[in-house]
């Protein structure tokens, strides 16, 4: 069984450890980058940690998201982020699931958590950057690649994720 909790700054060491298990070295972010994302979404409860109910200290996965304006997205490992004044999109920055969590469909459950939050906040879209060949996974969850329609500033931020990064977006329907 899995329990889900809102991520707080105290959880960042657990997030860093799980990130190191799930991502290649070119995608690892430091504690300050995670704290900046949590601060940009302070009080909005849109980042979650999945824990093994039998071993609560064992993290099975996490999802980090924050509200943004339009196609805004932070660069990889951004050390500071402003809170969005008029967000319309929930930017899903990071989803990491341990091998043990994958068999329990933790990734899909975490995604449903943030989709619910985005709808509760009245946001119209979700967006993300697909890395490590994950585009097909996100397409199965309703996201579509939109790299061709991006403003140059967004393309610059996207490039921080590497040449294979793909910006994807999904429209949200109300409940």
Protein backbone atom coordinates (compact mmCIF):
# COMPACT_ATOMS: atom_id res chain seq x y z
CA UNK A 1 0.00 0.00 0.00
CA UNK A 2 1.07 3.54 -0.73
CA UNK A 3 0.40 6.74 1.15
CA UNK A 4 0.74 10.20 -0.38
CA UNK A 5 1.79 13.42 1.32
CA UNK A 6 2.45 16.98 0.25
CA UNK A 7 6.19 17.57 -0.11
CA UNK A 8 7.71 20.07 2.31
CA UNK A 9 11.28 21.45 2.43
CA UNK A 10 12.04 18.81 5.08
CA UNK A 11 11.43 16.12 2.41
CA UNK A 12 14.06 17.46 -0.01
CA UNK A 13 16.79 14.99 1.11
CA UNK A 14 14.41 12.09 0.37
CA UNK A 15 13.58 13.64 -3.01
CA UNK A 16 17.29 14.03 -3.84
CA UNK A 17 18.00 10.39 -2.99
CA UNK A 18 15.13 9.18 -5.17
CA UNK A 19 16.11 11.53 -7.99
CA UNK A 20 19.61 9.99 -8.00
CA UNK A 21 18.08 6.51 -8.44
CA UNK A 22 15.86 7.54 -11.34
CA UNK A 23 17.74 10.06 -13.47
CA UNK A 24 21.03 10.22 -15.32
CA UNK A 25 23.67 12.62 -13.96
CA UNK A 26 22.86 15.31 -16.54
CA UNK A 27 19.36 15.71 -15.01
CA UNK A 28 20.25 15.85 -11.31
CA UNK A 29 19.24 19.03 -9.52
CA UNK A 30 20.50 20.25 -6.17
CA UNK A 31 18.55 20.91 -2.98
CA UNK A 32 18.29 24.66 -3.62
CA UNK A 33 16.60 24.02 -6.99
CA UNK A 34 13.95 21.82 -5.39
CA UNK A 35 13.44 24.29 -2.56
CA UNK A 36 12.98 27.10 -5.12
CA UNK A 37 10.23 25.13 -6.87
CA UNK A 38 8.49 24.38 -3.58
CA UNK A 39 8.73 28.06 -2.60
CA UNK A 40 7.29 29.20 -5.96
CA UNK A 41 4.23 27.04 -5.19
CA UNK A 42 4.13 27.66 -1.43
CA UNK A 43 0.80 26.74 0.13
CA UNK A 44 -0.67 25.36 -3.11
CA UNK A 45 -0.04 21.67 -2.34
CA UNK A 46 0.91 20.60 -5.84
CA UNK A 47 3.97 18.44 -5.13
CA UNK A 48 3.59 14.99 -3.59
CA UNK A 49 5.68 12.20 -2.15
CA UNK A 50 4.60 8.55 -2.31
CA UNK A 51 5.65 6.47 0.70
CA UNK A 52 5.46 2.75 1.38
CA UNK A 53 2.85 2.35 4.17
CA UNK A 54 4.74 -0.65 5.58
CA UNK A 55 8.02 1.29 5.65
CA UNK A 56 7.09 5.00 5.80
CA UNK A 57 10.73 6.04 5.53
CA UNK A 58 10.93 4.39 2.08
CA UNK A 59 9.98 6.75 -0.72
CA UNK A 60 8.46 5.14 -3.79
CA UNK A 61 8.13 8.27 -5.90
CA UNK A 62 7.57 11.99 -6.04
CA UNK A 63 6.09 14.62 -8.32
CA UNK A 64 7.10 18.30 -8.28
CA UNK A 65 4.83 20.83 -9.98
CA UNK A 66 4.18 24.55 -9.84
CA UNK A 67 1.73 26.99 -11.41
CA UNK A 68 3.16 29.09 -14.26
CA UNK A 69 2.00 31.65 -16.79
CA UNK A 70 1.58 30.45 -20.37
CA UNK A 71 4.54 28.40 -21.60
CA UNK A 72 6.78 29.59 -18.79
CA UNK A 73 9.13 26.92 -17.48
CA UNK A 74 12.16 27.04 -15.23
CA UNK A 75 15.55 25.97 -16.49
CA UNK A 76 16.93 22.71 -15.18
CA UNK A 77 18.50 23.30 -11.75
CA UNK A 78 17.15 26.87 -11.50
CA UNK A 79 18.20 28.23 -8.11
CA UNK A 80 15.41 30.81 -7.76
CA UNK A 81 11.93 31.10 -9.25
CA UNK A 82 9.29 33.79 -8.93
CA UNK A 83 5.74 32.78 -8.10
CA UNK A 84 3.43 33.20 -11.09
CA UNK A 85 1.19 36.27 -10.80
CA UNK A 86 -1.60 34.90 -13.04
CA UNK A 87 -0.99 31.21 -13.65
CA UNK A 88 -2.95 29.29 -16.26
CA UNK A 89 -0.77 26.17 -16.44
CA UNK A 90 0.49 23.66 -13.90
CA UNK A 91 4.04 22.88 -14.92
CA UNK A 92 4.96 19.33 -13.96
CA UNK A 93 8.69 19.70 -13.44
CA UNK A 94 9.66 16.28 -12.20
CA UNK A 95 8.21 12.81 -11.75
CA UNK A 96 10.48 10.12 -10.35
CA UNK A 97 9.34 6.63 -9.38
CA UNK A 98 11.50 3.90 -7.88
CA UNK A 99 11.52 0.45 -9.48
CA UNK A 100 9.43 -0.78 -6.52
CA UNK A 101 6.90 2.02 -7.07
CA UNK A 102 6.57 1.35 -10.80
CA UNK A 103 4.98 -2.04 -10.18
CA UNK A 104 2.41 -0.29 -7.96
CA UNK A 105 1.58 2.35 -10.62
CA UNK A 106 2.79 5.12 -8.32
CA UNK A 107 3.59 7.40 -11.28
CA UNK A 108 0.02 7.33 -12.57
CA UNK A 109 -1.34 7.93 -9.06
CA UNK A 110 0.98 10.91 -8.51
CA UNK A 111 -0.05 12.33 -11.88
CA UNK A 112 -3.73 12.04 -10.89
CA UNK A 113 -2.93 13.95 -7.68
CA UNK A 114 -1.54 16.93 -9.60
CA UNK A 115 -4.24 16.82 -12.28
CA UNK A 116 -6.78 17.14 -9.46
CA UNK A 117 -4.87 20.05 -7.95
CA UNK A 118 -4.62 21.83 -11.32
CA UNK A 119 -8.38 21.52 -11.78
CA UNK A 120 -9.03 22.68 -8.21
CA UNK A 121 -6.89 25.76 -8.93
CA UNK A 122 -8.91 26.48 -12.08
CA UNK A 123 -5.92 26.06 -14.41
CA UNK A 124 -6.54 25.32 -18.08
CA UNK A 125 -3.40 23.34 -18.96
CA UNK A 126 -0.60 21.15 -17.70
CA UNK A 127 2.85 21.18 -19.27
CA UNK A 128 6.13 19.31 -18.83
CA UNK A 129 9.49 18.59 -20.38
CA UNK A 130 9.88 14.95 -21.37
CA UNK A 131 13.42 13.60 -20.96
CA UNK A 132 15.14 10.22 -21.06
CA UNK A 133 12.89 8.96 -23.87
CA UNK A 134 9.66 9.41 -21.89
CA UNK A 135 7.60 11.11 -24.63
CA UNK A 136 5.49 8.00 -25.33
CA UNK A 137 4.70 7.63 -21.61
CA UNK A 138 3.38 11.20 -21.47
CA UNK A 139 1.41 10.78 -24.70
CA UNK A 140 -0.43 7.87 -23.05
CA UNK A 141 -1.46 10.37 -20.35
CA UNK A 142 -2.86 12.92 -22.82
CA UNK A 143 0.17 15.18 -23.36
CA UNK A 144 1.17 16.37 -26.84
CA UNK A 145 4.51 17.70 -28.06
CA UNK A 146 4.42 21.43 -28.84
CA UNK A 147 8.11 22.25 -29.42
CA UNK A 148 7.42 23.96 -32.76
CA UNK A 149 5.13 26.63 -31.30
CA UNK A 150 7.40 27.84 -28.49
CA UNK A 151 8.69 31.40 -28.05
CA UNK A 152 12.49 31.75 -28.18
CA UNK A 153 12.79 32.37 -24.41
CA UNK A 154 11.05 29.09 -23.69
CA UNK A 155 13.25 27.28 -26.21
CA UNK A 156 16.31 28.59 -24.36
CA UNK A 157 15.03 27.17 -21.07
CA UNK A 158 14.07 23.92 -22.79
CA UNK A 159 17.63 23.56 -24.09
CA UNK A 160 18.88 23.29 -20.48
CA UNK A 161 17.26 19.82 -20.43
CA UNK A 162 19.40 18.60 -23.35
CA UNK A 163 18.93 18.20 -27.10
CA UNK A 164 16.37 15.38 -26.83
CA UNK A 165 14.05 17.29 -24.44
CA UNK A 166 10.46 17.65 -25.60
CA UNK A 167 8.03 20.28 -24.30
CA UNK A 168 4.57 18.76 -23.93
CA UNK A 169 1.18 20.17 -23.00
CA UNK A 170 -2.24 18.86 -22.06
CA UNK A 171 -5.54 20.73 -21.87
CA UNK A 172 -7.57 20.18 -18.72
CA UNK A 173 -11.27 19.65 -18.71
CA UNK A 174 -13.24 20.77 -15.66
CA UNK A 175 -14.30 18.04 -13.22
